[in-house]
Amino acid sequence: MARPLRINLPGGWYHVMNRGLRRWQIYAEPDDYRLFLDTLQEACARFRVLAGAYCLMPNHYHLLLKTPEANLSRFMRHLDGVYTQRFNRAHAHDGPLFRGRFRALIVDEDAYLTQVVRYIHWNPVEAGLASRPADYLWSSHVYYLKKRDTLAWLSTKTVLSWFGSSRPQAIRAYRSLMNESPDPDVKRFYSRKRLGWVLGSEAFVDSLKIELIEEKEIPEIRAERGHELLKQILRKVCRAFDVAPEKLMRSQRGQTHQARSMAIYLARQETGLTLTEIGKHFGIKSYKTVGTHCARFEAKLKDDPSLIRLMKQAQRL
């Protein structure tokens, strides 16, 4: 079966979901919910993604995100990957935590943004975990009722602007909307087995299709963006390790080998390129070998504080 269409739109709003492997819990205790939110906050700052709403359920999550830099895939790879590492470390687990690729719906903000916020915040009620949205601890609902944004990384102000021109007026309209469960048509849409890739009006969907045809959000554009990001990564790693770029193109032992491994790892984490494309750039024939490089480097990061400092230095440059 073909993978769902994944479109990275500059300034696009997305309803993003992912579920635990075999529907297992992805939060074992309250500290795990806090750990996920900390990881979400870090990812928003690093990738300059705007978080509009969230709801963390025991075995899945809902996020409303806006991507000014059209980098949702990189953001989500980081969020799910880093949280999995931290969860496994905290609970002495190993292996994948999530079922696989996240689901992402492009949201027509004119027609459905407020409806999606209500759907997200009503999720615990619909699941029988709370009698009303305000009773559930692990959602952003309560922050929509405050006089100002109290979490720097959560912009309720942006979403509330769709409810009214002033904060008090917007909060009143939001309260009124939240007094009723989600619209039946919206609930039917989300109950489908094949969810699709967009929640919007017919005109909105048509405009996206035209944009896809014109921009060819397909391999050429994705690869072009990825290779430009890879060039930036190589420059930063070379400066952090004080090595020449050509040193990263062949496997050697010692510090140069660490620099090469870091460049390969960051390319996997941040460029959106496939393992095969990354391997071709570094002269590695098998995509499996690229994956092995990444896994080994990730394991070293856990036990080598100096390597962690070098990577943070490279990312700041």
Protein backbone atom coordinates (compact mmCIF):
# COMPACT_ATOMS: atom_id res chain seq x y z
CA MET A 1 0.00 0.00 0.00
CA ALA A 2 1.33 3.45 -0.88
CA ARG A 3 2.31 5.77 1.93
CA PRO A 4 -0.05 8.69 2.67
CA LEU A 5 0.78 11.88 0.80
CA ARG A 6 3.10 14.09 2.85
CA ILE A 7 3.15 17.77 1.89
CA ASN A 8 5.37 20.34 3.60
CA LEU A 9 3.72 23.74 3.25
CA PRO A 10 5.31 27.04 4.30
CA GLY A 11 2.98 28.46 6.96
CA GLY A 12 0.70 25.42 6.79
CA TRP A 13 -1.45 24.30 9.73
CA TYR A 14 -1.36 20.58 10.49
CA HIS A 15 -3.27 18.28 12.81
CA VAL A 16 -0.61 15.71 13.67
CA MET A 17 -1.27 12.36 15.36
CA ASN A 18 0.73 9.30 16.30
CA ARG A 19 -0.07 6.17 18.28
CA GLY A 20 1.95 3.74 20.34
CA LEU A 21 3.16 0.52 18.78
CA ARG A 22 0.39 -2.11 19.05
CA ARG A 23 -1.65 0.62 20.80
CA TRP A 24 0.62 0.36 23.84
CA GLN A 25 0.86 3.29 26.22
CA ILE A 26 3.41 5.93 25.29
CA TYR A 27 3.20 7.58 28.73
CA ALA A 28 3.72 5.21 31.65
CA GLU A 29 3.54 7.81 34.41
CA PRO A 30 2.95 11.58 34.87
CA ASP A 31 6.63 12.38 34.40
CA ASP A 32 6.42 10.95 30.89
CA TYR A 33 3.73 13.45 29.90
CA ARG A 34 5.98 16.23 31.20
CA LEU A 35 8.94 14.73 29.36
CA PHE A 36 7.01 14.74 26.08
CA LEU A 37 5.98 18.38 26.57
CA ASP A 38 9.58 19.35 27.34
CA THR A 39 10.68 17.58 24.15
CA LEU A 40 7.91 19.30 22.19
CA GLN A 41 9.01 22.68 23.55
CA GLU A 42 12.63 22.03 22.55
CA ALA A 43 11.61 20.87 19.06
CA CYS A 44 9.42 23.95 18.51
CA ALA A 45 12.35 26.22 19.38
CA ARG A 46 14.86 24.29 17.30
CA PHE A 47 12.74 24.04 14.14
CA ARG A 48 10.81 27.29 14.62
CA VAL A 49 7.47 25.49 14.58
CA LEU A 50 4.41 27.03 16.21
CA ALA A 51 2.36 24.84 18.54
CA GLY A 52 -1.29 25.87 18.59
CA ALA A 53 -2.86 23.08 20.68
CA TYR A 54 -2.11 19.63 22.07
CA CYS A 55 -3.73 16.70 23.81
CA LEU A 56 -1.69 13.78 25.16
CA MET A 57 -3.71 10.59 25.52
CA PRO A 58 -2.35 7.43 27.20
CA ASN A 59 -1.49 5.68 23.93
CA HIS A 60 -1.48 8.50 21.36
CA TYR A 61 -1.24 12.25 20.95
CA HIS A 62 -2.81 15.11 18.98
CA LEU A 63 -0.88 18.25 18.01
CA LEU A 64 -1.93 21.36 16.09
CA LEU A 65 1.19 22.78 14.47
CA LYS A 66 2.07 25.59 12.09
CA THR A 67 5.25 25.30 10.00
CA PRO A 68 6.56 28.65 8.70
CA GLU A 69 9.60 26.88 7.23
CA ALA A 70 7.78 23.90 5.68
CA ASN A 71 9.75 21.46 7.82
CA LEU A 72 7.11 19.25 9.44
CA SER A 73 8.82 15.95 8.56
CA ARG A 74 12.13 16.99 10.10
CA PHE A 75 10.36 18.35 13.17
CA MET A 76 8.36 15.16 13.71
CA ARG A 77 11.33 12.85 13.14
CA HIS A 78 13.12 14.77 15.89
CA LEU A 79 10.15 14.88 18.28
CA ASP A 80 9.22 11.19 18.06
CA GLY A 81 12.84 10.05 17.94
CA VAL A 82 14.13 12.05 20.88
CA TYR A 83 11.10 11.30 23.05
CA THR A 84 11.49 7.57 22.30
CA GLN A 85 15.13 7.72 23.38
CA ARG A 86 14.26 9.54 26.60
CA PHE A 87 11.31 7.27 27.39
CA ASN A 88 13.39 4.13 26.83
CA ARG A 89 16.21 5.49 28.97
CA ALA A 90 13.81 6.38 31.80
CA HIS A 91 12.14 2.95 31.80
CA ALA A 92 15.07 0.74 30.76
CA HIS A 93 13.26 -0.18 27.54
CA ASP A 94 14.59 -0.71 24.05
CA GLY A 95 13.18 -0.52 20.54
CA PRO A 96 10.46 1.56 18.86
CA LEU A 97 7.74 3.26 20.89
CA PHE A 98 5.46 4.49 18.08
CA ARG A 99 3.70 2.44 15.43
CA GLY A 100 5.59 4.16 12.62
CA ARG A 101 5.01 7.28 10.56
CA PHE A 102 2.91 10.01 12.09
CA ARG A 103 -0.37 11.10 10.48
CA ALA A 104 -0.65 14.71 9.39
CA LEU A 105 -3.73 16.49 8.09
CA ILE A 106 -3.38 19.84 6.38
CA VAL A 107 -6.06 22.04 7.95
CA ASP A 108 -8.00 24.68 6.06
CA GLU A 109 -7.71 27.39 8.72
CA ASP A 110 -10.52 29.50 7.28
CA ALA A 111 -13.05 26.67 7.50
CA TYR A 112 -11.80 24.16 10.09
CA LEU A 113 -9.11 25.51 12.43
CA THR A 114 -11.47 26.22 15.33
CA GLN A 115 -13.23 22.88 14.76
CA VAL A 116 -9.92 21.01 14.97
CA VAL A 117 -9.04 22.76 18.24
CA ARG A 118 -12.39 21.64 19.68
CA TYR A 119 -11.89 18.09 18.39
CA ILE A 120 -8.43 17.91 19.99
CA HIS A 121 -9.54 19.27 23.37
CA TRP A 122 -12.65 17.07 23.44
CA ASN A 123 -10.65 13.89 22.82
CA PRO A 124 -10.42 12.87 26.51
CA VAL A 125 -14.16 13.37 26.95
CA GLU A 126 -14.99 11.29 23.89
CA ALA A 127 -12.65 8.57 25.21
CA GLY A 128 -14.29 8.54 28.65
CA LEU A 129 -11.20 9.89 30.45
CA ALA A 130 -12.87 13.11 31.59
CA SER A 131 -16.38 14.48 31.98
CA ARG A 132 -15.42 17.80 30.36
CA PRO A 133 -12.29 19.19 28.65
CA ALA A 134 -11.32 21.27 31.69
CA ASP A 135 -10.99 18.12 33.81
CA TYR A 136 -8.20 16.64 31.71
CA LEU A 137 -4.69 17.58 32.81
CA TRP A 138 -2.68 16.82 29.67
CA SER A 139 -4.21 19.12 27.06
CA SER A 140 -3.78 22.78 26.19
CA HIS A 141 -7.45 23.61 26.86
CA VAL A 142 -6.79 25.41 30.15
CA TYR A 143 -4.29 27.76 28.49
CA TYR A 144 -7.01 29.01 26.15
CA LEU A 145 -8.89 30.38 29.15
CA LYS A 146 -6.05 32.50 30.54
CA LYS A 147 -5.74 36.25 30.03
CA ARG A 148 -2.44 35.88 28.15
CA ASP A 149 -0.13 33.22 26.76
CA THR A 150 1.67 31.66 29.72
CA LEU A 151 3.78 29.10 27.83
CA ALA A 152 6.31 30.72 25.51
CA TRP A 153 6.14 27.83 23.02
CA LEU A 154 2.33 27.50 22.95
CA SER A 155 0.65 30.29 21.01
CA THR A 156 -3.00 30.28 22.02
CA LYS A 157 -3.07 33.92 20.89
CA THR A 158 -2.66 32.92 17.25
CA VAL A 159 -5.55 30.46 17.33
CA LEU A 160 -7.78 32.62 19.54
CA SER A 161 -7.55 35.39 16.95
CA TRP A 162 -9.94 33.25 14.89
CA PHE A 163 -12.51 33.50 17.69
CA GLY A 164 -12.50 37.26 18.23
CA SER A 165 -10.58 40.51 17.80
CA SER A 166 -9.73 40.89 21.50
CA ARG A 167 -8.57 38.23 23.97
CA PRO A 168 -11.62 38.52 26.29
CA GLN A 169 -14.00 38.35 23.33
CA ALA A 170 -12.11 35.41 21.85
CA ILE A 171 -12.14 33.50 25.16
CA ARG A 172 -15.91 33.95 25.45
CA ALA A 173 -16.40 32.61 21.91
CA TYR A 174 -14.02 29.73 22.64
CA ARG A 175 -15.91 28.83 25.84
CA SER A 176 -19.16 28.84 23.91
CA LEU A 177 -17.75 26.53 21.25
CA MET A 178 -16.32 24.15 23.85
CA ASN A 179 -19.69 23.79 25.61
CA GLU A 180 -20.72 21.39 22.86
CA SER A 181 -19.02 18.28 21.53
CA PRO A 182 -17.35 18.34 18.09
CA ASP A 183 -19.46 18.80 14.98
CA PRO A 184 -20.91 15.44 13.79
CA ASP A 185 -19.45 15.91 10.31
CA VAL A 186 -16.00 16.47 11.80
CA LYS A 187 -16.37 13.38 13.99
CA ARG A 188 -17.41 11.32 10.96
CA PHE A 189 -14.38 12.57 9.07
CA TYR A 190 -12.01 11.46 11.84
CA SER A 191 -13.73 8.10 12.24
CA ARG A 192 -12.73 7.00 8.72
CA LYS A 193 -10.23 4.20 8.38
CA ARG A 194 -8.47 6.06 5.57
CA LEU A 195 -8.20 9.57 6.90
CA GLY A 196 -6.75 11.22 3.84
CA TRP A 197 -4.34 14.16 3.86
CA VAL A 198 -6.43 17.33 4.15
CA LEU A 199 -9.39 18.68 6.11
CA GLY A 200 -10.78 21.58 4.13
CA SER A 201 -13.29 22.97 1.71
CA GLU A 202 -13.42 21.78 -1.88
CA ALA A 203 -11.85 25.05 -3.03
CA PHE A 204 -9.02 24.63 -0.49
CA VAL A 205 -8.30 21.07 -1.64
CA ASP A 206 -8.28 22.20 -5.28
CA SER A 207 -5.81 25.00 -4.47
CA LEU A 208 -3.48 22.48 -2.82
CA LYS A 209 -3.64 20.20 -5.83
CA ILE A 210 -2.72 23.10 -8.11
CA GLU A 211 0.16 24.02 -5.82
CA LEU A 212 1.41 20.45 -5.90
CA ILE A 213 1.39 20.42 -9.69
CA GLU A 214 3.10 23.79 -9.95
CA GLU A 215 5.78 23.25 -7.31
CA LYS A 216 6.21 19.50 -7.83
CA GLU A 217 6.49 18.72 -4.16
CA ILE A 218 7.99 15.52 -5.18
CA PRO A 219 11.41 14.14 -5.28
CA GLU A 220 13.13 17.02 -7.11
CA ILE A 221 12.06 19.81 -4.72
CA ARG A 222 12.45 17.65 -1.60
CA ALA A 223 15.92 16.52 -2.65
CA GLU A 224 16.99 20.05 -3.57
CA ARG A 225 16.01 21.33 -0.13
CA GLY A 226 17.64 18.36 1.54
CA HIS A 227 20.97 18.76 -0.23
CA GLU A 228 21.10 22.46 0.63
CA LEU A 229 20.54 21.58 4.30
CA LEU A 230 23.23 18.90 4.02
CA LYS A 231 25.74 21.48 2.78
CA GLN A 232 24.98 23.61 5.85
CA ILE A 233 25.44 20.61 8.14
CA LEU A 234 28.81 19.74 6.57
CA ARG A 235 30.07 23.31 7.03
CA LYS A 236 29.02 23.33 10.69
CA VAL A 237 30.53 19.93 11.49
CA CYS A 238 33.79 20.88 9.79
CA ARG A 239 34.01 24.04 11.91
CA ALA A 240 33.17 22.17 15.13
CA PHE A 241 35.85 19.51 14.50
CA ASP A 242 38.25 21.85 12.65
CA VAL A 243 38.57 19.50 9.68
CA ALA A 244 38.44 20.02 5.93
CA PRO A 245 35.23 19.01 4.09
CA GLU A 246 36.97 16.33 2.05
CA LYS A 247 37.90 14.55 5.30
CA LEU A 248 34.22 13.75 5.83
CA MET A 249 33.91 12.00 2.50
CA ARG A 250 36.00 8.96 3.41
CA SER A 251 35.94 6.71 6.43
CA GLN A 252 38.89 7.10 8.81
CA ARG A 253 39.55 6.35 12.43
CA GLY A 254 39.83 8.90 15.21
CA GLN A 255 38.30 12.35 15.43
CA THR A 256 37.72 12.60 11.67
CA HIS A 257 35.66 9.41 11.84
CA GLN A 258 33.53 10.97 14.62
CA ALA A 259 33.01 14.07 12.50
CA ARG A 260 31.91 11.95 9.53
CA SER A 261 29.54 9.92 11.72
CA MET A 262 28.05 13.10 13.19
CA ALA A 263 27.51 14.57 9.72
CA ILE A 264 25.76 11.38 8.57
CA TYR A 265 23.61 11.32 11.72
CA LEU A 266 22.58 14.97 11.41
CA ALA A 267 21.85 14.48 7.72
CA ARG A 268 19.42 11.72 8.68
CA GLN A 269 17.85 13.81 11.44
CA GLU A 270 17.50 17.15 9.70
CA THR A 271 17.52 17.01 5.89
CA GLY A 272 14.60 14.77 4.93
CA LEU A 273 16.88 12.90 2.50
CA THR A 274 16.53 9.14 2.22
CA LEU A 275 19.23 6.82 3.54
CA THR A 276 20.15 5.99 -0.05
CA GLU A 277 20.56 9.68 -0.95
CA ILE A 278 22.69 10.31 2.15
CA GLY A 279 24.79 7.24 1.39
CA LYS A 280 25.42 8.40 -2.17
CA HIS A 281 26.74 11.72 -0.90
CA PHE A 282 29.17 10.05 1.54
CA GLY A 283 30.22 7.26 -0.83
CA ILE A 284 28.32 4.55 1.04
CA LYS A 285 26.77 1.95 -1.25
CA SER A 286 24.14 0.44 1.05
CA TYR A 287 21.35 2.36 2.76
CA LYS A 288 21.57 -0.22 5.55
CA THR A 289 25.13 0.88 6.25
CA VAL A 290 23.92 4.48 6.60
CA GLY A 291 21.31 3.32 9.10
CA THR A 292 23.99 1.42 11.03
CA HIS A 293 26.20 4.55 11.13
CA CYS A 294 23.30 6.52 12.59
CA ALA A 295 22.42 3.87 15.19
CA ARG A 296 26.03 3.52 16.36
CA PHE A 297 26.51 7.28 16.62
CA GLU A 298 23.25 7.63 18.55
CA ALA A 299 24.44 4.96 20.99
CA LYS A 300 27.74 6.82 21.48
CA LEU A 301 25.88 10.05 22.25
CA LYS A 302 24.31 8.43 25.31
CA ASP A 303 27.69 7.71 26.91
CA ASP A 304 29.98 10.47 25.65
CA PRO A 305 29.29 13.98 27.07
CA SER A 306 32.13 15.47 25.01
CA LEU A 307 30.50 14.20 21.82
CA ILE A 308 27.18 15.70 22.88
CA ARG A 309 28.89 19.06 23.44
CA LEU A 310 30.50 18.89 20.01
CA MET A 311 27.17 18.16 18.35
CA LYS A 312 25.46 21.04 20.17
CA GLN A 313 28.32 23.27 19.14
CA ALA A 314 27.93 22.21 15.51
CA GLN A 315 24.18 22.87 15.60
CA ARG A 316 24.72 26.36 17.02
CA LEU A 317 27.32 27.43 14.44
